[in-house]
Amino acid sequence: MKRILSRLALAASLALGTGSLAFAAVNINTATAGELDGVKGIGPSKAQAIVDYRSKHGPFKSLDDLKNVKGFGDKSIARLKGELSVAGADAPKK
């Protein structure tokens, strides 16, 4: 399904004459589990683990904080660096 949506977006981009797609990185401090699940390399359980960790411990200060979430290690974080961002680390806990 993700591939189909990506191809449709590319086709629309080409039809509109822009010729390229620019995707914004997903902010792990504000994204829903559904938004995180849309990132290649993050499935539903990892997405929910990120949201649960954030709810319990507050906002992430850096992507390296993902090491504290079950299922994430140095290699997976390195692969996701271009896909994820961290902003709003000073936001209050929810």
N, C-alpha and C. Protein backbone atom coordinates (compact mmCIF):
# COMPACT_ATOMS: atom_id res chain seq x y z
N MET A 1 0.82 -1.18 0.00
CA MET A 1 0.00 0.00 0.00
C MET A 1 0.87 1.26 0.00
N LYS A 2 1.95 1.24 0.79
CA LYS A 2 2.84 2.40 0.84
C LYS A 2 3.46 2.66 -0.51
N ARG A 3 3.84 1.58 -1.21
CA ARG A 3 4.44 1.73 -2.54
C ARG A 3 3.46 2.32 -3.53
N ILE A 4 2.21 1.89 -3.45
CA ILE A 4 1.20 2.41 -4.35
C ILE A 4 1.01 3.90 -4.13
N LEU A 5 0.91 4.30 -2.88
CA LEU A 5 0.74 5.72 -2.57
C LEU A 5 1.95 6.53 -3.03
N SER A 6 3.14 5.99 -2.85
CA SER A 6 4.34 6.69 -3.29
C SER A 6 4.34 6.87 -4.80
N ARG A 7 3.95 5.82 -5.51
CA ARG A 7 3.91 5.90 -6.97
C ARG A 7 2.85 6.87 -7.45
N LEU A 8 1.71 6.90 -6.78
CA LEU A 8 0.67 7.86 -7.14
C LEU A 8 1.14 9.29 -6.90
N ALA A 9 1.83 9.51 -5.81
CA ALA A 9 2.35 10.84 -5.51
C ALA A 9 3.39 11.25 -6.54
N LEU A 10 4.24 10.32 -6.94
CA LEU A 10 5.24 10.62 -7.96
C LEU A 10 4.57 10.94 -9.29
N ALA A 11 3.57 10.16 -9.66
CA ALA A 11 2.85 10.40 -10.91
C ALA A 11 2.18 11.77 -10.90
N ALA A 12 1.58 12.13 -9.79
CA ALA A 12 0.94 13.44 -9.67
C ALA A 12 1.98 14.55 -9.76
N SER A 13 3.11 14.34 -9.14
CA SER A 13 4.18 15.33 -9.19
C SER A 13 4.67 15.54 -10.61
N LEU A 14 4.85 14.45 -11.32
CA LEU A 14 5.31 14.54 -12.70
C LEU A 14 4.25 15.18 -13.58
N ALA A 15 2.99 14.87 -13.33
CA ALA A 15 1.90 15.45 -14.12
C ALA A 15 1.80 16.96 -13.90
N LEU A 16 2.11 17.39 -12.70
CA LEU A 16 2.07 18.82 -12.38
C LEU A 16 3.33 19.55 -12.83
N GLY A 17 4.30 18.81 -13.28
CA GLY A 17 5.51 19.43 -13.80
C GLY A 17 6.58 19.74 -12.77
N THR A 18 6.39 19.32 -11.55
CA THR A 18 7.42 19.60 -10.54
C THR A 18 8.58 18.65 -10.70
N GLY A 19 8.33 17.43 -11.16
CA GLY A 19 9.40 16.50 -11.47
C GLY A 19 10.09 15.85 -10.29
N SER A 20 9.85 16.28 -9.09
CA SER A 20 10.49 15.65 -7.94
C SER A 20 9.59 15.78 -6.74
N LEU A 21 9.83 14.92 -5.80
CA LEU A 21 9.07 14.94 -4.56
C LEU A 21 9.99 15.29 -3.41
N ALA A 22 9.50 16.09 -2.51
CA ALA A 22 10.26 16.40 -1.30
C ALA A 22 9.41 15.99 -0.12
N PHE A 23 9.88 15.04 0.64
CA PHE A 23 9.16 14.58 1.81
C PHE A 23 9.81 15.17 3.04
N ALA A 24 8.98 15.68 3.93
CA ALA A 24 9.50 16.21 5.18
C ALA A 24 9.75 15.04 6.13
N ALA A 25 10.76 15.19 6.94
CA ALA A 25 11.05 14.17 7.95
C ALA A 25 9.91 14.17 8.97
N VAL A 26 9.60 13.02 9.49
CA VAL A 26 8.55 12.85 10.48
C VAL A 26 9.11 13.19 11.86
N ASN A 27 8.45 14.09 12.54
CA ASN A 27 8.89 14.54 13.87
C ASN A 27 8.44 13.52 14.91
N ILE A 28 9.38 12.87 15.56
CA ILE A 28 9.04 11.82 16.53
C ILE A 28 8.42 12.40 17.81
N ASN A 29 8.47 13.71 17.99
CA ASN A 29 7.86 14.31 19.17
C ASN A 29 6.40 14.69 18.96
N THR A 30 5.93 14.70 17.72
CA THR A 30 4.55 15.11 17.46
C THR A 30 3.78 14.09 16.63
N ALA A 31 4.45 13.16 16.00
CA ALA A 31 3.79 12.21 15.09
C ALA A 31 2.90 11.23 15.83
N THR A 32 1.82 10.86 15.18
CA THR A 32 0.96 9.81 15.70
C THR A 32 1.57 8.46 15.36
N ALA A 33 1.04 7.42 15.96
CA ALA A 33 1.52 6.07 15.63
C ALA A 33 1.30 5.78 14.15
N GLY A 34 0.20 6.24 13.60
CA GLY A 34 -0.08 6.03 12.18
C GLY A 34 0.92 6.72 11.28
N GLU A 35 1.30 7.94 11.63
CA GLU A 35 2.30 8.67 10.85
C GLU A 35 3.66 7.99 10.93
N LEU A 36 4.02 7.53 12.11
CA LEU A 36 5.30 6.84 12.28
C LEU A 36 5.30 5.51 11.54
N ASP A 37 4.17 4.83 11.51
CA ASP A 37 4.07 3.56 10.80
C ASP A 37 4.29 3.75 9.30
N GLY A 38 4.03 4.93 8.80
CA GLY A 38 4.24 5.23 7.39
C GLY A 38 5.69 5.37 6.99
N VAL A 39 6.59 5.45 7.96
CA VAL A 39 8.02 5.58 7.69
C VAL A 39 8.60 4.20 7.40
N LYS A 40 9.33 4.09 6.30
CA LYS A 40 9.95 2.81 5.95
C LYS A 40 10.91 2.40 7.07
N GLY A 41 10.74 1.19 7.56
CA GLY A 41 11.58 0.69 8.64
C GLY A 41 10.93 0.75 10.00
N ILE A 42 9.75 1.39 10.06
CA ILE A 42 9.00 1.43 11.32
C ILE A 42 7.65 0.80 11.07
N GLY A 43 7.37 -0.27 11.78
CA GLY A 43 6.07 -0.93 11.66
C GLY A 43 5.14 -0.47 12.77
N PRO A 44 3.96 -1.05 12.84
CA PRO A 44 2.99 -0.63 13.84
C PRO A 44 3.45 -0.78 15.29
N SER A 45 4.17 -1.85 15.60
CA SER A 45 4.58 -2.05 16.99
C SER A 45 5.68 -1.06 17.39
N LYS A 46 6.63 -0.81 16.49
CA LYS A 46 7.67 0.18 16.80
C LYS A 46 7.07 1.58 16.88
N ALA A 47 6.13 1.87 16.00
CA ALA A 47 5.47 3.18 16.02
C ALA A 47 4.77 3.39 17.36
N GLN A 48 4.05 2.38 17.83
CA GLN A 48 3.35 2.50 19.10
C GLN A 48 4.33 2.59 20.26
N ALA A 49 5.46 1.88 20.16
CA ALA A 49 6.48 1.95 21.21
C ALA A 49 7.05 3.36 21.33
N ILE A 50 7.23 4.04 20.20
CA ILE A 50 7.73 5.42 20.22
C ILE A 50 6.72 6.32 20.93
N VAL A 51 5.45 6.20 20.56
CA VAL A 51 4.41 7.03 21.16
C VAL A 51 4.29 6.74 22.66
N ASP A 52 4.33 5.47 23.03
CA ASP A 52 4.23 5.10 24.45
C ASP A 52 5.41 5.65 25.25
N TYR A 53 6.62 5.52 24.69
CA TYR A 53 7.80 6.03 25.37
C TYR A 53 7.70 7.55 25.56
N ARG A 54 7.29 8.23 24.50
CA ARG A 54 7.16 9.69 24.55
C ARG A 54 6.13 10.11 25.58
N SER A 55 5.02 9.38 25.66
CA SER A 55 3.98 9.70 26.63
C SER A 55 4.47 9.54 28.07
N LYS A 56 5.28 8.52 28.28
CA LYS A 56 5.76 8.22 29.63
C LYS A 56 6.96 9.09 30.04
N HIS A 57 7.87 9.37 29.10
CA HIS A 57 9.14 10.03 29.43
C HIS A 57 9.27 11.45 28.91
N GLY A 58 8.31 11.92 28.15
CA GLY A 58 8.39 13.26 27.59
C GLY A 58 9.06 13.25 26.23
N PRO A 59 9.25 14.43 25.65
CA PRO A 59 9.77 14.52 24.29
C PRO A 59 11.21 14.03 24.16
N PHE A 60 11.51 13.55 22.97
CA PHE A 60 12.87 13.12 22.66
C PHE A 60 13.74 14.36 22.46
N LYS A 61 14.95 14.32 22.97
CA LYS A 61 15.89 15.43 22.79
C LYS A 61 16.72 15.26 21.52
N SER A 62 16.94 14.01 21.13
CA SER A 62 17.68 13.71 19.91
C SER A 62 17.21 12.37 19.38
N LEU A 63 17.55 12.09 18.13
CA LEU A 63 17.19 10.80 17.56
C LEU A 63 17.87 9.65 18.30
N ASP A 64 19.03 9.92 18.87
CA ASP A 64 19.74 8.89 19.63
C ASP A 64 18.94 8.42 20.84
N ASP A 65 17.99 9.22 21.30
CA ASP A 65 17.14 8.80 22.42
C ASP A 65 16.28 7.60 22.05
N LEU A 66 16.13 7.33 20.76
CA LEU A 66 15.37 6.16 20.33
C LEU A 66 16.01 4.86 20.82
N LYS A 67 17.28 4.91 21.20
CA LYS A 67 17.94 3.72 21.74
C LYS A 67 17.24 3.23 23.00
N ASN A 68 16.52 4.12 23.67
CA ASN A 68 15.79 3.76 24.88
C ASN A 68 14.46 3.07 24.59
N VAL A 69 14.07 3.04 23.32
CA VAL A 69 12.81 2.42 22.91
C VAL A 69 13.10 1.02 22.41
N LYS A 70 12.36 0.05 22.91
CA LYS A 70 12.57 -1.35 22.52
C LYS A 70 12.46 -1.48 20.99
N GLY A 71 13.45 -2.17 20.42
CA GLY A 71 13.43 -2.42 18.98
C GLY A 71 14.33 -1.50 18.18
N PHE A 72 14.93 -0.51 18.83
CA PHE A 72 15.80 0.43 18.14
C PHE A 72 17.23 0.33 18.65
N GLY A 73 18.15 0.25 17.73
CA GLY A 73 19.57 0.23 18.06
C GLY A 73 20.31 1.20 17.15
N ASP A 74 21.61 1.21 17.26
CA ASP A 74 22.43 2.13 16.48
C ASP A 74 22.18 2.00 14.98
N LYS A 75 22.11 0.77 14.49
CA LYS A 75 21.95 0.56 13.05
C LYS A 75 20.59 1.05 12.55
N SER A 76 19.55 0.73 13.28
CA SER A 76 18.22 1.16 12.82
C SER A 76 18.09 2.68 12.90
N ILE A 77 18.66 3.29 13.91
CA ILE A 77 18.60 4.74 14.04
C ILE A 77 19.39 5.39 12.90
N ALA A 78 20.54 4.85 12.57
CA ALA A 78 21.33 5.39 11.47
C ALA A 78 20.56 5.32 10.15
N ARG A 79 19.82 4.22 9.92
CA ARG A 79 19.03 4.08 8.69
C ARG A 79 17.87 5.07 8.65
N LEU A 80 17.36 5.46 9.80
CA LEU A 80 16.19 6.32 9.86
C LEU A 80 16.50 7.81 9.95
N LYS A 81 17.77 8.17 10.07
CA LYS A 81 18.13 9.58 10.30
C LYS A 81 17.55 10.53 9.27
N GLY A 82 17.49 10.14 8.00
CA GLY A 82 16.93 11.02 6.98
C GLY A 82 15.41 11.07 6.98
N GLU A 83 14.79 10.11 7.65
CA GLU A 83 13.34 10.00 7.65
C GLU A 83 12.68 10.65 8.87
N LEU A 84 13.44 10.79 9.95
CA LEU A 84 12.89 11.29 11.20
C LEU A 84 13.56 12.58 11.63
N SER A 85 12.85 13.36 12.41
CA SER A 85 13.42 14.57 12.99
C SER A 85 12.95 14.68 14.45
N VAL A 86 13.61 15.58 15.15
CA VAL A 86 13.25 15.86 16.54
C VAL A 86 13.10 17.37 16.66
N ALA A 87 11.93 17.78 17.06
CA ALA A 87 11.68 19.20 17.30
C ALA A 87 10.73 19.27 18.48
N GLY A 88 10.72 20.37 19.16
CA GLY A 88 9.83 20.52 20.29
C GLY A 88 10.27 19.78 21.52
N ALA A 89 11.58 19.59 21.66
CA ALA A 89 12.09 18.87 22.83
C ALA A 89 11.82 19.63 24.12
N ASP A 90 11.55 20.92 24.02
CA ASP A 90 11.27 21.71 25.21
C ASP A 90 9.79 21.74 25.55
N ALA A 91 8.99 21.02 24.77
CA ALA A 91 7.55 20.98 25.01
C ALA A 91 7.26 20.26 26.34
N PRO A 92 6.21 20.66 27.02
CA PRO A 92 5.88 19.98 28.29
C PRO A 92 5.41 18.55 28.04
N LYS A 93 5.57 17.71 29.07
CA LYS A 93 5.10 16.32 28.99
C LYS A 93 3.59 16.30 28.83
N LYS A 94 3.11 15.31 28.08
CA LYS A 94 1.66 15.14 27.92
C LYS A 94 1.24 13.88 28.60
